[in-house]
N, C-alpha and C. Protein backbone atom coordinates (compact mmCIF):
# COMPACT_ATOMS: atom_id res chain seq x y z
N MET A 1 55.11 18.01 62.42
CA MET A 1 55.11 16.58 62.24
C MET A 1 53.68 16.08 62.25
N ARG A 2 53.35 15.27 61.30
CA ARG A 2 51.99 14.73 61.19
C ARG A 2 52.00 13.23 61.43
N HIS A 3 50.87 12.75 61.92
CA HIS A 3 50.65 11.32 62.08
C HIS A 3 49.51 10.92 61.16
N ARG A 4 49.62 9.75 60.59
CA ARG A 4 48.58 9.25 59.69
C ARG A 4 47.70 8.30 60.46
N LEU A 5 46.40 8.60 60.50
CA LEU A 5 45.42 7.78 61.21
C LEU A 5 44.58 7.02 60.20
N TYR A 6 44.27 5.76 60.51
CA TYR A 6 43.48 4.91 59.64
C TYR A 6 42.19 4.53 60.37
N TYR A 7 41.05 4.73 59.71
CA TYR A 7 39.76 4.36 60.27
C TYR A 7 38.97 3.56 59.25
N LEU A 8 38.41 2.43 59.68
CA LEU A 8 37.50 1.66 58.82
C LEU A 8 36.08 2.09 59.13
N LEU A 9 35.36 2.42 58.08
CA LEU A 9 33.99 2.91 58.20
C LEU A 9 33.05 1.92 57.52
N PRO A 10 31.84 1.76 58.06
CA PRO A 10 30.95 0.74 57.52
C PRO A 10 30.39 1.05 56.12
N ASP A 11 30.21 2.33 55.79
CA ASP A 11 29.61 2.65 54.48
C ASP A 11 29.95 4.09 54.08
N VAL A 12 29.46 4.48 52.92
CA VAL A 12 29.75 5.81 52.37
C VAL A 12 29.07 6.91 53.17
N GLU A 13 27.86 6.67 53.64
CA GLU A 13 27.15 7.70 54.42
C GLU A 13 27.90 7.99 55.72
N SER A 14 28.40 6.97 56.35
CA SER A 14 29.21 7.15 57.55
C SER A 14 30.48 7.93 57.22
N ALA A 15 31.08 7.63 56.10
CA ALA A 15 32.27 8.35 55.65
C ALA A 15 31.97 9.83 55.45
N ARG A 16 30.84 10.13 54.90
CA ARG A 16 30.45 11.53 54.67
C ARG A 16 30.28 12.27 56.00
N ARG A 17 29.62 11.62 56.98
CA ARG A 17 29.42 12.25 58.29
C ARG A 17 30.75 12.48 59.01
N ILE A 18 31.64 11.51 58.94
CA ILE A 18 32.93 11.65 59.60
C ILE A 18 33.78 12.71 58.91
N PHE A 19 33.69 12.79 57.60
CA PHE A 19 34.42 13.82 56.87
C PHE A 19 33.94 15.20 57.30
N ASP A 20 32.63 15.36 57.46
CA ASP A 20 32.09 16.64 57.94
C ASP A 20 32.62 16.97 59.33
N SER A 21 32.70 15.97 60.20
CA SER A 21 33.24 16.18 61.55
C SER A 21 34.71 16.60 61.49
N MET A 22 35.45 15.99 60.60
CA MET A 22 36.86 16.35 60.47
C MET A 22 37.01 17.80 60.01
N LEU A 23 36.19 18.20 59.05
CA LEU A 23 36.25 19.58 58.56
C LEU A 23 35.84 20.56 59.65
N LEU A 24 34.80 20.23 60.42
CA LEU A 24 34.36 21.11 61.50
C LEU A 24 35.41 21.24 62.60
N ASN A 25 36.27 20.26 62.72
CA ASN A 25 37.34 20.31 63.72
C ASN A 25 38.66 20.77 63.13
N ARG A 26 38.58 21.50 62.06
CA ARG A 26 39.70 22.19 61.43
C ARG A 26 40.82 21.26 60.96
N VAL A 27 40.44 20.10 60.45
CA VAL A 27 41.40 19.25 59.73
C VAL A 27 41.17 19.57 58.26
N GLU A 28 42.19 20.04 57.59
CA GLU A 28 42.04 20.51 56.21
C GLU A 28 41.66 19.37 55.28
N GLN A 29 40.88 19.72 54.27
CA GLN A 29 40.34 18.73 53.33
C GLN A 29 41.44 17.94 52.63
N HIS A 30 42.55 18.58 52.29
CA HIS A 30 43.60 17.86 51.56
C HIS A 30 44.41 16.92 52.47
N HIS A 31 44.09 16.86 53.75
CA HIS A 31 44.74 15.91 54.66
C HIS A 31 43.85 14.71 54.99
N VAL A 32 42.69 14.62 54.36
CA VAL A 32 41.78 13.51 54.59
C VAL A 32 41.50 12.84 53.25
N HIS A 33 41.64 11.50 53.20
CA HIS A 33 41.43 10.75 51.97
C HIS A 33 40.63 9.49 52.28
N PHE A 34 39.87 9.05 51.29
CA PHE A 34 39.04 7.86 51.45
C PHE A 34 39.40 6.85 50.38
N LEU A 35 39.33 5.58 50.77
CA LEU A 35 39.65 4.49 49.85
C LEU A 35 38.57 3.44 49.97
N ALA A 36 38.00 3.05 48.84
CA ALA A 36 36.98 2.00 48.80
C ALA A 36 37.28 1.08 47.64
N ASP A 37 36.99 -0.19 47.82
CA ASP A 37 37.25 -1.17 46.77
C ASP A 37 35.91 -1.64 46.22
N GLY A 38 35.57 -1.22 45.04
CA GLY A 38 34.31 -1.63 44.43
C GLY A 38 33.13 -0.75 44.78
N THR A 39 33.24 0.02 45.84
CA THR A 39 32.17 0.94 46.23
C THR A 39 32.50 2.31 45.65
N PRO A 40 31.62 2.84 44.80
CA PRO A 40 31.92 4.17 44.24
C PRO A 40 31.79 5.24 45.32
N LEU A 41 32.78 6.12 45.37
CA LEU A 41 32.74 7.23 46.31
C LEU A 41 32.12 8.44 45.65
N PRO A 42 31.29 9.18 46.38
CA PRO A 42 30.72 10.41 45.79
C PRO A 42 31.81 11.46 45.57
N SER A 43 31.52 12.41 44.73
CA SER A 43 32.53 13.40 44.36
C SER A 43 32.90 14.34 45.50
N ASP A 44 32.06 14.45 46.53
CA ASP A 44 32.40 15.35 47.64
C ASP A 44 33.36 14.73 48.65
N LEU A 45 33.65 13.45 48.52
CA LEU A 45 34.65 12.80 49.39
C LEU A 45 35.97 12.69 48.63
N PRO A 46 37.05 13.22 49.19
CA PRO A 46 38.35 13.15 48.49
C PRO A 46 38.88 11.72 48.46
N GLU A 47 39.05 11.20 47.27
CA GLU A 47 39.52 9.82 47.11
C GLU A 47 41.04 9.77 47.23
N ALA A 48 41.54 8.70 47.82
CA ALA A 48 42.98 8.49 47.94
C ALA A 48 43.59 8.39 46.54
N GLY A 49 44.67 9.09 46.34
CA GLY A 49 45.30 9.13 45.02
C GLY A 49 46.31 8.02 44.79
N PHE A 50 47.02 8.15 43.70
CA PHE A 50 47.99 7.18 43.24
C PHE A 50 49.08 6.90 44.28
N LEU A 51 49.57 7.94 44.93
CA LEU A 51 50.64 7.77 45.90
C LEU A 51 50.18 7.03 47.15
N PHE A 52 48.90 7.09 47.47
CA PHE A 52 48.36 6.34 48.60
C PHE A 52 48.11 4.88 48.23
N LYS A 53 47.72 4.64 47.00
CA LYS A 53 47.32 3.29 46.59
C LYS A 53 48.48 2.39 46.20
N THR A 54 49.63 2.97 45.92
CA THR A 54 50.77 2.17 45.45
C THR A 54 51.96 2.32 46.40
N ASP A 55 52.99 1.54 46.14
CA ASP A 55 54.22 1.59 46.94
C ASP A 55 55.30 2.43 46.28
N VAL A 56 54.93 3.47 45.56
CA VAL A 56 55.89 4.29 44.83
C VAL A 56 56.92 4.93 45.76
N ILE A 57 56.48 5.53 46.84
CA ILE A 57 57.41 6.25 47.71
C ILE A 57 58.38 5.31 48.41
N PRO A 58 57.93 4.23 49.07
CA PRO A 58 58.92 3.32 49.66
C PRO A 58 59.84 2.69 48.59
N GLY A 59 59.30 2.41 47.42
CA GLY A 59 60.12 1.86 46.35
C GLY A 59 61.19 2.83 45.90
N ALA A 60 60.82 4.09 45.73
CA ALA A 60 61.80 5.09 45.31
C ALA A 60 62.87 5.29 46.38
N GLU A 61 62.46 5.27 47.65
CA GLU A 61 63.43 5.44 48.72
C GLU A 61 64.47 4.32 48.72
N SER A 62 64.00 3.09 48.62
CA SER A 62 64.95 1.97 48.63
C SER A 62 65.79 1.96 47.35
N GLY A 63 65.20 2.30 46.23
CA GLY A 63 65.95 2.37 44.98
C GLY A 63 67.02 3.43 44.99
N MET A 64 66.72 4.57 45.61
CA MET A 64 67.72 5.63 45.71
C MET A 64 68.90 5.21 46.58
N LEU A 65 68.60 4.53 47.66
CA LEU A 65 69.67 4.07 48.55
C LEU A 65 70.57 3.06 47.84
N VAL A 66 69.97 2.06 47.23
CA VAL A 66 70.75 1.03 46.54
C VAL A 66 71.50 1.64 45.35
N GLY A 67 70.84 2.52 44.60
CA GLY A 67 71.48 3.15 43.45
C GLY A 67 72.67 4.01 43.84
N ALA A 68 72.55 4.76 44.92
CA ALA A 68 73.66 5.61 45.37
C ALA A 68 74.85 4.76 45.82
N VAL A 69 74.57 3.69 46.54
CA VAL A 69 75.66 2.82 47.00
C VAL A 69 76.35 2.15 45.81
N LEU A 70 75.56 1.61 44.88
CA LEU A 70 76.16 0.96 43.71
C LEU A 70 76.91 1.95 42.83
N GLY A 71 76.38 3.17 42.71
CA GLY A 71 77.08 4.20 41.93
C GLY A 71 78.41 4.59 42.56
N ALA A 72 78.41 4.71 43.88
CA ALA A 72 79.66 5.05 44.57
C ALA A 72 80.68 3.91 44.43
N ILE A 73 80.23 2.66 44.53
CA ILE A 73 81.13 1.52 44.35
C ILE A 73 81.70 1.50 42.94
N LEU A 74 80.83 1.75 41.95
CA LEU A 74 81.31 1.80 40.57
C LEU A 74 82.32 2.94 40.40
N GLY A 75 82.06 4.07 41.02
CA GLY A 75 83.00 5.19 40.94
C GLY A 75 84.35 4.84 41.54
N PHE A 76 84.34 4.18 42.72
CA PHE A 76 85.60 3.75 43.33
C PHE A 76 86.35 2.78 42.43
N LEU A 77 85.62 1.84 41.84
CA LEU A 77 86.27 0.86 40.95
C LEU A 77 86.87 1.54 39.72
N LEU A 78 86.15 2.47 39.12
CA LEU A 78 86.69 3.17 37.95
C LEU A 78 87.93 3.97 38.30
N VAL A 79 87.89 4.68 39.43
CA VAL A 79 89.05 5.47 39.85
C VAL A 79 90.23 4.54 40.16
N PHE A 80 89.97 3.43 40.82
CA PHE A 80 91.04 2.51 41.21
C PHE A 80 91.70 1.85 40.00
N TYR A 81 90.88 1.35 39.06
CA TYR A 81 91.44 0.60 37.93
C TYR A 81 91.96 1.48 36.80
N PHE A 82 91.36 2.64 36.61
CA PHE A 82 91.75 3.48 35.47
C PHE A 82 92.50 4.73 35.89
N GLN A 83 92.80 4.91 37.16
CA GLN A 83 93.53 6.07 37.69
C GLN A 83 93.00 7.38 37.10
N LEU A 84 91.69 7.57 37.23
CA LEU A 84 91.07 8.79 36.72
C LEU A 84 91.42 9.99 37.61
N PRO A 85 91.59 11.16 37.00
CA PRO A 85 91.83 12.36 37.82
C PRO A 85 90.53 12.79 38.51
N MET A 86 90.65 13.62 39.51
CA MET A 86 89.50 14.14 40.27
C MET A 86 88.66 12.98 40.82
N GLU A 87 89.28 12.16 41.63
CA GLU A 87 88.65 10.95 42.14
C GLU A 87 87.33 11.23 42.86
N ALA A 88 87.33 12.20 43.72
CA ALA A 88 86.13 12.51 44.51
C ALA A 88 84.98 12.93 43.61
N ALA A 89 85.26 13.71 42.59
CA ALA A 89 84.21 14.17 41.68
C ALA A 89 83.61 13.00 40.89
N VAL A 90 84.44 12.07 40.48
CA VAL A 90 83.96 10.90 39.73
C VAL A 90 83.07 10.05 40.62
N VAL A 91 83.53 9.77 41.84
CA VAL A 91 82.74 8.95 42.77
C VAL A 91 81.42 9.64 43.10
N LEU A 92 81.48 10.93 43.38
CA LEU A 92 80.27 11.68 43.70
C LEU A 92 79.30 11.73 42.52
N ALA A 93 79.81 11.96 41.33
CA ALA A 93 78.95 12.02 40.13
C ALA A 93 78.27 10.68 39.88
N LEU A 94 79.00 9.59 40.01
CA LEU A 94 78.39 8.28 39.79
C LEU A 94 77.42 7.92 40.91
N ALA A 95 77.70 8.36 42.12
CA ALA A 95 76.75 8.12 43.21
C ALA A 95 75.45 8.87 42.97
N VAL A 96 75.53 10.10 42.51
CA VAL A 96 74.32 10.89 42.21
C VAL A 96 73.57 10.27 41.03
N CYS A 97 74.28 9.85 40.00
CA CYS A 97 73.63 9.18 38.87
C CYS A 97 72.95 7.89 39.32
N GLY A 98 73.61 7.13 40.16
CA GLY A 98 73.02 5.90 40.70
C GLY A 98 71.80 6.19 41.55
N LEU A 99 71.86 7.25 42.35
CA LEU A 99 70.72 7.65 43.17
C LEU A 99 69.52 7.98 42.30
N LEU A 100 69.73 8.78 41.27
CA LEU A 100 68.62 9.18 40.38
C LEU A 100 68.07 7.99 39.60
N PHE A 101 68.96 7.20 39.03
CA PHE A 101 68.50 6.06 38.24
C PHE A 101 67.82 5.01 39.14
N GLY A 102 68.40 4.73 40.29
CA GLY A 102 67.81 3.75 41.21
C GLY A 102 66.44 4.18 41.70
N GLY A 103 66.29 5.45 42.03
CA GLY A 103 64.99 5.97 42.46
C GLY A 103 63.96 5.87 41.36
N TRP A 104 64.35 6.24 40.15
CA TRP A 104 63.41 6.18 39.03
C TRP A 104 63.01 4.74 38.72
N ALA A 105 63.98 3.85 38.60
CA ALA A 105 63.70 2.46 38.22
C ALA A 105 62.86 1.76 39.29
N ALA A 106 63.21 1.95 40.55
CA ALA A 106 62.47 1.29 41.61
C ALA A 106 61.05 1.84 41.74
N SER A 107 60.88 3.14 41.52
CA SER A 107 59.52 3.71 41.60
C SER A 107 58.65 3.22 40.45
N MET A 108 59.25 2.96 39.29
CA MET A 108 58.47 2.41 38.18
C MET A 108 57.96 1.00 38.51
N VAL A 109 58.81 0.22 39.13
CA VAL A 109 58.40 -1.14 39.54
C VAL A 109 57.36 -1.05 40.64
N ALA A 110 57.59 -0.20 41.63
CA ALA A 110 56.69 -0.10 42.78
C ALA A 110 55.33 0.50 42.42
N ALA A 111 55.26 1.20 41.30
CA ALA A 111 53.98 1.79 40.88
C ALA A 111 52.96 0.71 40.54
N ALA A 112 53.42 -0.47 40.22
CA ALA A 112 52.51 -1.57 39.89
C ALA A 112 52.10 -2.37 41.11
N LEU A 113 52.68 -2.07 42.27
CA LEU A 113 52.39 -2.82 43.49
C LEU A 113 51.42 -2.07 44.37
N PRO A 114 50.47 -2.76 44.99
CA PRO A 114 49.58 -2.08 45.93
C PRO A 114 50.35 -1.67 47.18
N ASN A 115 49.85 -0.67 47.86
CA ASN A 115 50.49 -0.15 49.06
C ASN A 115 50.58 -1.24 50.12
N SER A 116 51.79 -1.56 50.52
CA SER A 116 51.99 -2.66 51.49
C SER A 116 51.41 -2.31 52.85
N ARG A 117 51.33 -1.03 53.20
CA ARG A 117 50.75 -0.63 54.49
C ARG A 117 49.25 -0.88 54.51
N LEU A 118 48.61 -0.86 53.34
CA LEU A 118 47.15 -1.01 53.28
C LEU A 118 46.70 -2.45 53.04
N LYS A 119 47.63 -3.39 52.91
CA LYS A 119 47.25 -4.78 52.64
C LYS A 119 46.31 -5.35 53.68
N ALA A 120 46.49 -4.98 54.92
CA ALA A 120 45.63 -5.50 55.99
C ALA A 120 44.19 -5.05 55.84
N PHE A 121 43.96 -3.97 55.14
CA PHE A 121 42.61 -3.43 55.00
C PHE A 121 41.85 -3.99 53.80
N TYR A 122 42.53 -4.62 52.85
CA TYR A 122 41.88 -5.06 51.62
C TYR A 122 40.72 -6.04 51.84
N PRO A 123 40.81 -7.01 52.76
CA PRO A 123 39.65 -7.90 52.97
C PRO A 123 38.41 -7.13 53.44
N GLU A 124 38.60 -6.15 54.31
CA GLU A 124 37.48 -5.33 54.80
C GLU A 124 36.93 -4.45 53.66
N LEU A 125 37.82 -3.90 52.86
CA LEU A 125 37.38 -3.04 51.76
C LEU A 125 36.60 -3.85 50.73
N ALA A 126 36.98 -5.11 50.53
CA ALA A 126 36.27 -5.96 49.57
C ALA A 126 34.84 -6.25 50.04
N GLN A 127 34.58 -6.12 51.33
CA GLN A 127 33.24 -6.33 51.88
C GLN A 127 32.39 -5.06 51.82
N GLY A 128 32.91 -4.00 51.23
CA GLY A 128 32.13 -2.78 51.06
C GLY A 128 32.42 -1.69 52.06
N LYS A 129 33.41 -1.88 52.93
CA LYS A 129 33.75 -0.85 53.89
C LYS A 129 34.60 0.22 53.23
N VAL A 130 34.74 1.35 53.91
CA VAL A 130 35.49 2.49 53.41
C VAL A 130 36.62 2.78 54.39
N LEU A 131 37.80 3.05 53.88
CA LEU A 131 38.94 3.39 54.71
C LEU A 131 39.17 4.89 54.65
N MET A 132 39.24 5.53 55.82
CA MET A 132 39.59 6.94 55.88
C MET A 132 41.03 7.05 56.34
N ILE A 133 41.82 7.83 55.62
CA ILE A 133 43.22 8.09 55.95
C ILE A 133 43.31 9.58 56.25
N ALA A 134 43.68 9.92 57.49
CA ALA A 134 43.75 11.33 57.89
C ALA A 134 45.14 11.63 58.41
N ASP A 135 45.74 12.69 57.88
CA ASP A 135 47.03 13.16 58.35
C ASP A 135 46.79 14.35 59.27
N VAL A 136 47.03 14.15 60.56
CA VAL A 136 46.75 15.20 61.54
C VAL A 136 48.03 15.57 62.26
N PRO A 137 48.12 16.81 62.76
CA PRO A 137 49.31 17.20 63.51
C PRO A 137 49.48 16.32 64.75
N ALA A 138 50.71 16.06 65.11
CA ALA A 138 51.01 15.15 66.23
C ALA A 138 50.37 15.64 67.52
N ARG A 139 50.31 16.93 67.74
CA ARG A 139 49.75 17.46 68.98
C ARG A 139 48.23 17.29 69.06
N ARG A 140 47.57 17.00 67.93
CA ARG A 140 46.11 16.86 67.92
C ARG A 140 45.62 15.42 67.76
N VAL A 141 46.52 14.46 67.72
CA VAL A 141 46.13 13.07 67.47
C VAL A 141 45.15 12.58 68.53
N GLU A 142 45.49 12.75 69.78
CA GLU A 142 44.63 12.27 70.87
C GLU A 142 43.28 12.96 70.85
N GLN A 143 43.26 14.26 70.61
CA GLN A 143 42.01 15.03 70.55
C GLN A 143 41.11 14.52 69.43
N ILE A 144 41.66 14.31 68.25
CA ILE A 144 40.88 13.83 67.11
C ILE A 144 40.36 12.42 67.37
N GLU A 145 41.20 11.56 67.92
CA GLU A 145 40.77 10.19 68.21
C GLU A 145 39.61 10.17 69.20
N GLN A 146 39.70 10.97 70.26
CA GLN A 146 38.62 11.01 71.26
C GLN A 146 37.34 11.58 70.66
N LEU A 147 37.46 12.63 69.89
CA LEU A 147 36.30 13.27 69.29
C LEU A 147 35.57 12.30 68.35
N LEU A 148 36.31 11.63 67.49
CA LEU A 148 35.68 10.71 66.55
C LEU A 148 35.09 9.50 67.26
N ALA A 149 35.75 9.02 68.31
CA ALA A 149 35.22 7.87 69.05
C ALA A 149 33.90 8.22 69.74
N GLN A 150 33.78 9.45 70.23
CA GLN A 150 32.55 9.87 70.90
C GLN A 150 31.41 10.10 69.93
N ARG A 151 31.69 10.76 68.83
CA ARG A 151 30.62 11.14 67.89
C ARG A 151 30.26 10.06 66.88
N HIS A 152 31.18 9.15 66.62
CA HIS A 152 30.96 8.15 65.57
C HIS A 152 31.33 6.75 66.08
N PRO A 153 30.47 6.15 66.88
CA PRO A 153 30.80 4.82 67.42
C PRO A 153 30.81 3.72 66.36
N GLU A 154 30.27 3.98 65.19
CA GLU A 154 30.22 2.96 64.14
C GLU A 154 31.55 2.72 63.46
N MET A 155 32.48 3.64 63.63
CA MET A 155 33.78 3.50 62.97
C MET A 155 34.72 2.68 63.84
N HIS A 156 35.78 2.19 63.19
CA HIS A 156 36.76 1.34 63.88
C HIS A 156 38.14 1.93 63.64
N PHE A 157 38.80 2.33 64.74
CA PHE A 157 40.17 2.84 64.64
C PHE A 157 41.07 1.69 64.24
N SER A 158 41.85 1.86 63.16
CA SER A 158 42.62 0.75 62.61
C SER A 158 44.12 0.97 62.61
N GLY A 159 44.59 2.01 63.26
CA GLY A 159 46.03 2.17 63.36
C GLY A 159 46.50 3.59 63.14
N GLU A 160 47.77 3.76 63.48
CA GLU A 160 48.42 5.06 63.36
C GLU A 160 49.81 4.85 62.80
N ASP A 161 50.19 5.72 61.90
CA ASP A 161 51.53 5.68 61.32
C ASP A 161 52.21 6.99 61.66
N PRO A 162 53.21 6.99 62.55
CA PRO A 162 53.82 8.24 62.98
C PRO A 162 54.79 8.85 61.98
N HIS A 163 55.15 8.12 60.93
CA HIS A 163 56.12 8.62 59.95
C HIS A 163 55.39 8.89 58.64
N VAL A 164 54.96 10.12 58.47
CA VAL A 164 54.21 10.49 57.28
C VAL A 164 55.14 11.20 56.30
N PRO A 165 55.16 10.76 55.03
CA PRO A 165 55.98 11.48 54.04
C PRO A 165 55.50 12.92 53.89
N VAL A 166 56.38 13.78 53.51
CA VAL A 166 56.08 15.20 53.46
C VAL A 166 55.10 15.56 52.37
N PHE A 167 55.22 15.02 51.17
CA PHE A 167 54.45 15.55 50.06
C PHE A 167 53.21 14.81 49.61
N PRO A 168 52.92 13.53 49.90
CA PRO A 168 51.69 12.98 49.33
C PRO A 168 50.45 13.30 50.13
């Protein structure tokens, strides 16, 4: 289980130093991402990708839930009004179709929306600050927080998200 840590950094040089500290403390490079608004990041700092910048994942999750429920309701209505054979198969098939369509449609809409979790950081990012997003194992959260606070007093701890999606 991983926790997502958010740190606001004053500039790119500070981000580079903190990234080096993270690597030296055995946090893998693909678990650390940086986000800046208007400030170009150097190529040696991993920039936050599409899934971090948008609400695709929460949108897909809610779309799948709504789509599955609506598909199951439609399946029940079809079976009830048209007396279709294999009632369970019809309901299940329509629920799966609703799940897939709902997830796809909602993720397309959510791809145009900025990440709602990061909205609080946008005013700071507009002032030239850099946001570091680090996914660390739950057992190492306290150790990483203490280490970074001691070595990098210029940074500002900005929150922790204990529910990290598996794949982004």
